[in-house]
Protein backbone atom coordinates (compact mmCIF):
# COMPACT_ATOMS: atom_id res chain seq x y z
CA MET A 1 41.35 82.84 61.51
CA ILE A 2 38.66 85.38 62.39
CA PHE A 3 39.59 89.07 62.14
CA TRP A 4 37.78 91.78 64.07
CA GLY A 5 37.25 95.37 63.01
CA THR A 6 37.62 98.32 65.36
CA HIS A 7 34.86 98.57 67.95
CA HIS A 8 33.77 102.16 68.24
CA SER A 9 30.80 102.00 70.61
CA GLY A 10 28.57 99.75 72.76
CA ASP A 11 29.06 97.60 75.75
CA ASP A 12 32.57 96.05 75.87
CA SER A 13 31.38 93.12 77.97
CA VAL A 14 28.78 92.20 75.33
CA CYS A 15 31.42 92.42 72.65
CA GLN A 16 33.82 90.21 74.58
CA GLU A 17 31.09 87.63 75.17
CA THR A 18 30.26 87.55 71.46
CA VAL A 19 33.92 87.11 70.54
CA ALA A 20 34.22 84.23 73.01
CA LYS A 21 31.21 82.47 71.52
CA LEU A 22 32.53 82.85 67.98
CA GLU A 23 35.94 81.55 68.99
CA THR A 24 34.26 78.54 70.58
CA LEU A 25 32.38 77.84 67.37
CA GLN A 26 35.58 78.25 65.37
CA ASN A 27 37.34 75.64 67.48
CA ALA A 28 34.38 73.24 67.63
CA ASP A 29 34.58 69.68 66.40
CA ILE A 30 33.31 69.95 62.82
CA SER A 31 32.24 66.31 62.64
CA ALA A 32 30.12 66.73 65.75
CA THR A 33 28.50 69.83 64.30
CA GLU A 34 27.73 68.02 61.04
CA GLN A 35 26.23 65.13 63.00
CA GLN A 36 23.95 67.54 64.85
CA ILE A 37 22.86 69.08 61.56
CA GLN A 38 22.18 65.63 60.08
CA GLU A 39 20.09 64.62 63.08
CA LEU A 40 18.07 67.81 62.89
CA THR A 41 17.53 67.32 59.16
CA GLN A 42 16.36 63.73 59.67
CA LYS A 43 14.05 64.83 62.47
CA ASP A 44 12.50 67.51 60.29
CA SER A 45 12.07 65.20 57.29
CA GLY A 46 10.69 62.33 59.36
CA THR A 47 13.26 59.81 58.05
CA SER A 48 15.65 57.54 59.86
CA ALA A 49 19.40 57.22 59.42
CA THR A 50 18.85 54.22 57.15
CA ASP A 51 16.37 56.13 54.98
CA GLY A 52 13.80 53.41 55.70
CA SER A 53 10.18 53.48 56.76
CA GLU A 54 8.33 51.39 59.27
CA ASP A 55 7.27 47.91 58.21
CA PRO A 56 3.80 46.91 59.47
CA THR A 57 5.36 43.65 60.63
CA GLY A 58 7.42 45.68 63.11
CA GLY A 59 10.79 46.27 61.43
CA THR A 60 12.34 48.91 59.21
CA VAL A 61 11.88 48.60 55.46
CA LEU A 62 15.09 48.42 53.43
CA SER A 63 15.95 51.38 51.24
CA ASP A 64 16.24 50.92 47.46
CA VAL A 65 20.04 50.82 47.73
CA GLU A 66 19.96 48.29 50.56
CA ILE A 67 17.59 46.05 48.59
CA ARG A 68 20.09 45.85 45.75
CA GLN A 69 22.93 45.19 48.16
CA VAL A 70 21.33 42.38 50.14
CA PHE A 71 19.92 40.51 47.12
CA SER A 72 23.12 40.69 45.08
CA GLY A 73 23.99 37.13 44.10
CA SER A 74 20.54 35.73 44.88
CA VAL A 75 17.72 34.71 42.53
CA ILE A 76 13.97 35.28 42.88
CA LEU A 77 11.77 33.07 40.69
CA GLY A 78 8.12 33.70 39.98
CA ASP A 79 5.24 35.01 37.90
CA SER A 80 3.78 38.47 37.23
CA ILE A 81 3.77 39.41 40.92
CA THR A 82 7.51 38.72 41.04
CA GLU A 83 8.08 40.35 37.65
CA SER A 84 6.89 43.67 39.07
CA ILE A 85 10.03 43.77 41.25
CA VAL A 86 11.87 44.57 38.01
CA GLU A 87 9.12 46.75 36.57
CA TYR A 88 9.18 48.97 39.65
CA GLY A 89 12.98 49.20 39.52
CA TYR A 90 13.89 47.48 42.78
CA LEU A 91 16.01 44.72 41.21
CA ASP A 92 17.16 43.66 37.75
CA THR A 93 16.90 40.48 35.69
CA ASP A 94 20.23 39.24 37.02
CA VAL A 95 18.32 38.57 40.24
CA VAL A 96 14.66 38.28 39.22
CA VAL A 97 13.83 35.44 36.82
CA SER A 98 10.12 35.60 36.09
CA LYS A 99 7.41 35.63 33.46
CA ARG A 100 3.92 37.01 33.41
CA GLY A 101 1.29 34.25 33.55
CA LEU A 102 3.85 31.61 34.55
CA ASN A 103 2.85 28.59 36.64
CA VAL A 104 5.33 26.44 38.52
CA GLY A 105 4.91 23.40 36.30
CA ALA A 106 5.85 25.41 33.21
CA ALA A 107 8.86 27.12 34.77
CA ASP A 108 11.55 24.78 33.38
CA GLU A 109 13.27 27.53 31.39
CA GLN A 110 13.30 29.89 34.36
CA ILE A 111 14.61 27.16 36.67
CA ASP A 112 17.46 26.44 34.23
CA THR A 113 18.28 30.15 34.02
CA ALA A 114 18.34 30.43 37.80
CA ILE A 115 20.66 27.43 38.13
CA GLY A 116 22.95 28.94 35.50
CA LEU A 117 23.30 32.09 37.60
CA ASN A 118 24.80 29.98 40.42
CA PRO A 119 23.01 31.97 43.13
CA SER A 120 23.81 32.03 46.83
CA HIS A 121 20.08 31.93 47.74
CA VAL A 122 16.96 30.98 45.76
CA PHE A 123 13.53 32.45 46.43
CA MET A 124 10.44 31.02 44.71
CA ALA A 125 7.02 32.66 44.44
CA PHE A 126 4.47 30.69 42.45
CA GLY A 127 0.81 29.89 42.94
CA SER A 128 -1.47 32.67 41.70
CA ASN A 129 -1.67 31.28 38.18
CA ASP A 130 -1.55 27.70 39.42
CA LEU A 131 -4.83 28.18 41.29
CA GLU A 132 -6.63 28.64 38.00
CA ILE A 133 -4.85 25.65 36.48
CA TYR A 134 -5.07 23.06 39.24
CA GLY A 135 -8.15 24.32 41.07
CA SER A 136 -9.01 22.05 43.98
CA ASN A 137 -6.26 19.59 43.02
CA THR A 138 -3.77 20.81 45.59
CA SER A 139 -1.65 17.67 45.38
CA GLU A 140 -0.94 18.21 41.69
CA PHE A 141 0.25 21.74 42.39
CA ILE A 142 2.51 20.53 45.18
CA SER A 143 3.86 17.76 42.99
CA ALA A 144 4.80 20.26 40.27
CA TYR A 145 6.47 22.49 42.86
CA ARG A 146 8.37 19.53 44.30
CA THR A 147 9.76 18.68 40.87
CA GLN A 148 11.16 22.17 40.38
CA ILE A 149 12.64 22.34 43.87
CA GLN A 150 14.32 18.99 43.30
CA LYS A 151 15.94 20.28 40.09
CA ILE A 152 17.46 23.17 41.99
CA GLN A 153 18.61 20.99 44.88
CA ASP A 154 20.22 18.48 42.51
CA ALA A 155 22.14 21.23 40.70
CA LEU A 156 22.85 23.46 43.73
CA PRO A 157 22.87 21.15 46.75
CA ASP A 158 24.32 23.73 49.15
CA VAL A 159 22.05 26.61 48.18
CA PRO A 160 19.13 27.36 50.54
CA ILE A 161 15.66 27.64 48.97
CA TYR A 162 12.89 29.88 50.28
CA ILE A 163 9.25 29.39 49.28
CA ASN A 164 6.93 32.40 49.42
CA CYS A 165 3.31 31.89 50.34
CA ILE A 166 0.43 32.72 48.01
CA LEU A 167 -0.87 36.06 49.24
CA PRO A 168 -4.43 36.27 50.57
CA ILE A 169 -6.92 36.97 47.80
CA THR A 170 -9.88 39.30 48.24
CA ASP A 171 -13.47 38.07 48.41
CA ASP A 172 -14.37 40.01 45.26
CA ALA A 173 -11.60 38.33 43.30
CA ILE A 174 -12.69 34.91 44.56
CA ALA A 175 -16.31 35.67 43.61
CA ALA A 176 -15.13 36.39 40.07
CA THR A 177 -12.79 33.35 39.91
CA PRO A 178 -13.90 30.68 42.44
CA ASP A 179 -10.76 28.55 42.05
CA LEU A 180 -8.79 31.29 43.80
CA ALA A 181 -10.52 30.29 47.04
CA TYR A 182 -8.17 27.31 47.38
CA TYR A 183 -5.14 29.46 48.20
CA PRO A 184 -5.18 28.50 51.94
CA GLN A 185 -4.99 24.80 51.04
CA TYR A 186 -2.16 25.52 48.61
CA ASN A 187 -0.26 27.36 51.35
CA GLN A 188 -0.76 24.48 53.76
CA GLY A 189 0.65 22.18 51.11
CA LEU A 190 3.64 24.45 50.62
CA GLN A 191 4.40 24.47 54.33
CA SER A 192 4.41 20.68 54.38
CA LEU A 193 6.53 20.59 51.24
CA CYS A 194 9.11 22.87 52.84
CA THR A 195 9.32 20.57 55.85
CA GLU A 196 9.69 17.59 53.54
CA MET A 197 12.42 19.09 51.36
CA GLY A 198 14.32 21.21 53.87
CA CYS A 199 13.23 24.56 52.46
CA THR A 200 12.08 27.66 54.35
CA TYR A 201 8.47 28.81 54.05
CA ILE A 202 7.92 32.59 54.05
CA ASP A 203 4.49 33.78 55.10
CA ASN A 204 3.94 37.30 53.74
CA ALA A 205 0.27 37.56 54.66
CA SER A 206 0.92 39.92 57.57
CA ILE A 207 2.28 42.53 55.19
CA VAL A 208 -1.09 43.04 53.50
CA GLU A 209 -3.21 42.23 56.54
CA SER A 210 -1.45 44.64 58.90
CA SER A 211 -1.12 47.53 56.48
CA SER A 212 -3.12 50.70 57.13
CA GLU A 213 -3.52 51.10 53.38
CA ASN A 214 -5.00 48.78 50.78
CA LEU A 215 -2.02 47.17 49.05
CA TYR A 216 -4.07 45.38 46.38
CA GLU A 217 -4.58 46.28 42.76
CA PRO A 218 -8.25 46.50 41.68
CA ASP A 219 -8.21 42.81 40.69
CA GLY A 220 -7.82 41.83 44.37
CA GLU A 221 -4.95 39.48 43.60
CA HIS A 222 -1.98 41.54 42.46
CA VAL A 223 -0.37 44.15 44.71
CA ILE A 224 0.68 47.78 44.31
CA LYS A 225 4.20 49.21 44.39
CA ASP A 226 4.13 49.95 48.13
CA TYR A 227 4.01 46.23 48.87
CA TYR A 228 7.33 45.43 47.23
CA PRO A 229 9.93 46.99 49.55
CA LYS A 230 8.08 45.43 52.48
CA TRP A 231 8.07 42.04 50.78
CA LEU A 232 11.74 42.25 49.81
CA THR A 233 12.65 43.27 53.35
CA HIS A 234 10.69 40.32 54.75
CA MET A 235 12.42 37.89 52.38
CA ALA A 236 15.83 39.29 53.26
CA GLN A 237 15.13 38.89 56.97
CA ALA A 238 13.86 35.32 56.52
CA ALA A 239 17.07 34.39 54.70
CA GLY A 240 19.35 36.17 57.17
CA LEU A 241 20.49 38.61 54.49
CA HIS A 242 19.42 41.49 56.72
CA SER A 243 18.80 41.59 60.45
């Protein structure tokens, strides 16, 4: 209830108009008012209702909370690039099973750990280290990958598997390590392998190629923190975990 003091002077019509406005505000729908305030706040801060930012591939990047929600129960397998998902705090080791310097042929322990977690979805991201191991021998890399996929399919026949591409590697990095130049052939092999084994291939190249900022670390192979929410969003969309 609003109480009014005695009005001693001034225009009565102005006073009555002010009282009417205040009474209107008093009786207003509070939820509607709060919504208006929220919209104004979001407009001023430049954020959306989902607290996301624009993905260069055209969508909205998941927030940190949403990333944890959508990947709950899944497993992401990989090397140092994947390991940084944990290092940057986006997900924990109950989802990310990785090891710095790991190649797909040596990932038996990680594969067993992933199977033991009984995930709903499996994402794999190998290849950067394999380039320096297998070089131009693409078929050997694909054979090693096939073996690991088969282990997962034998143990978890109803679980979908998603294979991430090897990200483009800069010319400077290739000049320093020529075997890195074979990444396009490796990716072609992975696409064929996915067709063969009923997996889904995820091409993340557009994330780094369409970005207005350089997402690479100085080595031209690894990527900076800003890449990760975009990558995780892209994986989630590919698996239907997020529309």
